[in-house]
Amino acid sequence: MAEFRNPTDALWVPGEEEKERILKERAEMLAKKPETSRESSFFMEVLSFMLAGERYAIEARFVVETMPLRELTSFPGLPSFILGIVNVRGRILTVMDIKKFFDLPESGLTDLHKLIIVRYRELEVGIVADVLLGIQALAQERMQPSLPTLTGIREKYLAGVTDEGTIVLRVEKILSDDRILVNDEG
């Protein structure tokens, strides 16, 4: 006949020394600084787009919205990189051509061009893009500060270049440029 065993007989109950050892090991493990791996880094969310055959990106935190470029109204006497204005649900926005601003090759405007509306402080501007590629997260540690082939005005507004060749622009620098800001007080 089988002997009856109480289920609690099989439970292990540590003694006072064992409890103290376990608690000390847990405390030491929790007190350790987490190991920083190469995989952990700061990511920047960007909107990628194509301009003159090159891949560009701007930080998504500056992007208000994107839309097809429609009903552009041009005015004479504007700087060449200002294409005109658009009415976006009652807001009149300046439309800027980054290709002309950066002296990139032009391809002309079509209905297929997209408008990226960006905001920095109180200034909201539409930037024309050839093609929108979408939102992606870029590891900042994988960005190079610049490429030797990028010189002049593009270098000034450059946040970095990814190892895939995406040129990340600094919207805040572009929208703070003296050529964009008009001071009509004086």
Protein backbone atom coordinates (compact mmCIF):
# COMPACT_ATOMS: atom_id res chain seq x y z
CA MET A 1 0.00 0.00 0.00
CA ALA A 2 1.26 3.40 -1.02
CA GLU A 3 2.17 5.79 1.67
CA PHE A 4 0.16 9.00 1.75
CA ARG A 5 2.36 12.17 1.35
CA ASN A 6 1.31 15.55 2.34
CA PRO A 7 1.97 17.96 -0.63
CA THR A 8 3.54 20.48 1.70
CA ASP A 9 6.20 17.93 2.67
CA ALA A 10 7.79 18.33 -0.80
CA LEU A 11 8.10 22.14 -0.50
CA TRP A 12 11.51 23.49 0.20
CA VAL A 13 11.63 26.07 2.94
CA PRO A 14 14.94 27.91 3.21
CA GLY A 15 16.52 28.49 6.53
CA GLU A 16 17.47 31.91 7.82
CA GLU A 17 21.00 31.75 6.35
CA GLU A 18 19.69 30.65 2.97
CA LYS A 19 17.07 33.44 2.92
CA GLU A 20 19.77 35.99 3.69
CA ARG A 21 22.02 34.63 0.91
CA ILE A 22 19.18 34.71 -1.67
CA LEU A 23 18.18 38.24 -0.72
CA LYS A 24 21.80 39.41 -0.91
CA GLU A 25 22.22 37.90 -4.39
CA ARG A 26 19.01 39.58 -5.58
CA ALA A 27 20.10 42.93 -4.16
CA GLU A 28 23.50 42.69 -5.89
CA MET A 29 21.85 41.73 -9.19
CA LEU A 30 19.38 44.63 -9.01
CA ALA A 31 22.11 47.10 -8.01
CA LYS A 32 24.13 46.39 -11.16
CA LYS A 33 24.04 48.99 -13.92
CA PRO A 34 22.37 47.64 -17.01
CA GLU A 35 24.83 46.73 -19.69
CA THR A 36 24.72 49.10 -22.63
CA SER A 37 24.86 47.18 -25.81
CA ARG A 38 25.78 48.47 -29.23
CA GLU A 39 22.17 47.95 -30.20
CA SER A 40 20.85 50.52 -27.74
CA SER A 41 20.98 54.03 -29.10
CA PHE A 42 18.95 57.15 -29.57
CA PHE A 43 16.58 56.95 -32.50
CA MET A 44 15.31 59.87 -34.50
CA GLU A 45 12.00 59.53 -36.33
CA VAL A 46 12.24 61.10 -39.78
CA LEU A 47 10.12 61.61 -42.88
CA SER A 48 12.10 60.49 -45.94
CA PHE A 49 11.57 61.89 -49.41
CA MET A 50 13.27 62.11 -52.78
CA LEU A 51 14.67 65.28 -54.30
CA ALA A 52 16.54 65.34 -57.60
CA GLY A 53 17.33 61.64 -57.34
CA GLU A 54 18.75 61.88 -53.79
CA ARG A 55 17.15 60.62 -50.63
CA TYR A 56 16.52 63.29 -47.97
CA ALA A 57 14.87 63.21 -44.56
CA ILE A 58 13.64 65.68 -41.98
CA GLU A 59 12.79 65.06 -38.36
CA ALA A 60 9.15 64.01 -38.10
CA ARG A 61 8.59 66.28 -35.09
CA PHE A 62 8.68 69.27 -37.46
CA VAL A 63 6.23 67.75 -39.95
CA VAL A 64 2.65 68.96 -39.60
CA GLU A 65 1.21 67.05 -42.55
CA THR A 66 1.84 66.00 -46.14
CA MET A 67 -0.39 66.38 -49.18
CA PRO A 68 -0.29 66.57 -52.94
CA LEU A 69 0.85 69.95 -54.25
CA ARG A 70 -2.24 71.64 -55.68
CA GLU A 71 -3.39 75.14 -56.52
CA LEU A 72 -0.05 76.86 -56.17
CA THR A 73 -0.25 80.61 -56.67
CA SER A 74 2.96 82.23 -57.87
CA PHE A 75 3.97 85.86 -57.42
CA PRO A 76 6.57 87.89 -59.29
CA GLY A 77 9.62 89.17 -57.45
CA LEU A 78 9.97 86.26 -55.03
CA PRO A 79 13.31 84.57 -54.43
CA SER A 80 13.77 81.66 -56.85
CA PHE A 81 13.40 79.05 -54.08
CA ILE A 82 9.97 80.44 -53.06
CA LEU A 83 7.46 79.02 -55.52
CA GLY A 84 4.42 80.85 -54.20
CA ILE A 85 1.61 80.20 -51.75
CA VAL A 86 -1.08 77.59 -51.17
CA ASN A 87 -4.28 77.67 -49.19
CA VAL A 88 -4.43 74.73 -46.78
CA ARG A 89 -7.86 74.73 -45.14
CA GLY A 90 -7.78 78.49 -44.68
CA ARG A 91 -4.08 78.77 -43.78
CA ILE A 92 -1.98 80.59 -46.38
CA LEU A 93 1.43 78.92 -46.52
CA THR A 94 4.60 79.77 -48.38
CA VAL A 95 5.82 76.97 -50.66
CA MET A 96 9.55 76.46 -50.79
CA ASP A 97 11.57 74.55 -53.38
CA ILE A 98 14.51 72.98 -51.56
CA LYS A 99 16.06 71.99 -54.90
CA LYS A 100 16.52 75.64 -55.82
CA PHE A 101 17.54 76.49 -52.24
CA PHE A 102 20.31 73.86 -52.43
CA ASP A 103 21.16 74.43 -56.13
CA LEU A 104 20.10 70.89 -57.06
CA PRO A 105 19.10 69.98 -60.62
CA GLU A 106 15.53 70.95 -61.45
CA SER A 107 12.95 68.73 -63.05
CA GLY A 108 9.93 71.07 -63.13
CA LEU A 109 6.73 70.82 -61.13
CA THR A 110 3.96 68.33 -61.78
CA ASP A 111 0.73 67.38 -60.05
CA LEU A 112 2.65 64.39 -58.69
CA HIS A 113 4.82 66.53 -56.43
CA LYS A 114 4.11 66.40 -52.74
CA LEU A 115 3.99 69.14 -50.17
CA ILE A 116 5.53 68.59 -46.76
CA ILE A 117 4.22 71.16 -44.32
CA VAL A 118 6.78 71.81 -41.61
CA ARG A 119 6.60 74.02 -38.56
CA TYR A 120 9.36 75.57 -36.50
CA ARG A 121 8.27 78.00 -33.81
CA GLU A 122 5.56 80.21 -35.37
CA LEU A 123 6.68 79.66 -38.96
CA GLU A 124 4.84 77.09 -41.07
CA VAL A 125 6.11 76.43 -44.61
CA GLY A 126 5.39 73.93 -47.34
CA ILE A 127 8.42 72.14 -48.80
CA VAL A 128 8.09 70.51 -52.20
CA ALA A 129 9.25 66.89 -52.53
CA ASP A 130 9.46 64.74 -55.65
CA VAL A 131 8.32 61.58 -53.87
CA LEU A 132 7.46 60.80 -50.24
CA LEU A 133 9.10 57.63 -48.95
CA GLY A 134 7.59 57.46 -45.48
CA ILE A 135 8.46 57.61 -41.81
CA GLN A 136 11.42 55.68 -40.44
CA ALA A 137 13.53 55.55 -37.29
CA LEU A 138 17.23 56.35 -37.71
CA ALA A 139 19.82 55.47 -35.11
CA GLN A 140 21.71 58.70 -34.51
CA GLU A 141 24.93 56.88 -33.74
CA ARG A 142 24.89 55.47 -37.27
CA MET A 143 24.77 58.93 -38.88
CA GLN A 144 27.91 60.58 -40.17
CA PRO A 145 28.15 64.31 -39.55
CA SER A 146 28.79 65.08 -43.21
CA LEU A 147 30.17 63.78 -46.47
CA PRO A 148 33.16 65.39 -48.18
CA THR A 149 31.08 65.64 -51.36
CA LEU A 150 28.50 67.82 -49.63
CA THR A 151 29.72 71.37 -49.55
CA GLY A 152 28.34 74.86 -49.45
CA ILE A 153 24.79 75.54 -48.48
CA ARG A 154 23.76 71.91 -48.03
CA GLU A 155 26.49 71.32 -45.45
CA LYS A 156 25.18 74.22 -43.35
CA TYR A 157 21.70 72.67 -43.06
CA LEU A 158 22.84 69.08 -42.70
CA ALA A 159 22.10 67.08 -39.53
CA GLY A 160 23.89 64.01 -40.85
CA VAL A 161 24.08 61.32 -43.48
CA THR A 162 23.06 57.72 -42.84
CA ASP A 163 25.11 54.77 -44.00
CA GLU A 164 22.43 54.21 -46.68
CA GLY A 165 23.05 57.73 -48.02
CA THR A 166 19.95 59.49 -46.68
CA ILE A 167 20.73 63.16 -46.12
CA VAL A 168 19.04 64.35 -42.93
CA LEU A 169 18.25 68.07 -43.01
CA ARG A 170 17.91 70.46 -40.09
CA VAL A 171 14.53 72.08 -40.61
CA GLU A 172 15.11 74.53 -37.80
CA LYS A 173 18.22 75.88 -39.59
CA ILE A 174 16.43 76.14 -42.94
CA LEU A 175 13.43 77.96 -41.45
CA SER A 176 15.72 80.30 -39.50
CA ASP A 177 17.65 81.34 -42.60
CA ASP A 178 17.76 85.09 -43.20
CA ARG A 179 16.71 84.59 -46.82
CA ILE A 180 13.40 83.06 -45.73
CA LEU A 181 12.55 85.44 -42.93
CA VAL A 182 11.16 88.78 -44.01
CA ASN A 183 11.27 91.64 -41.56
CA ASP A 184 8.69 94.18 -42.66
CA GLU A 185 8.90 96.29 -39.49
CA GLY A 186 11.49 98.67 -40.77
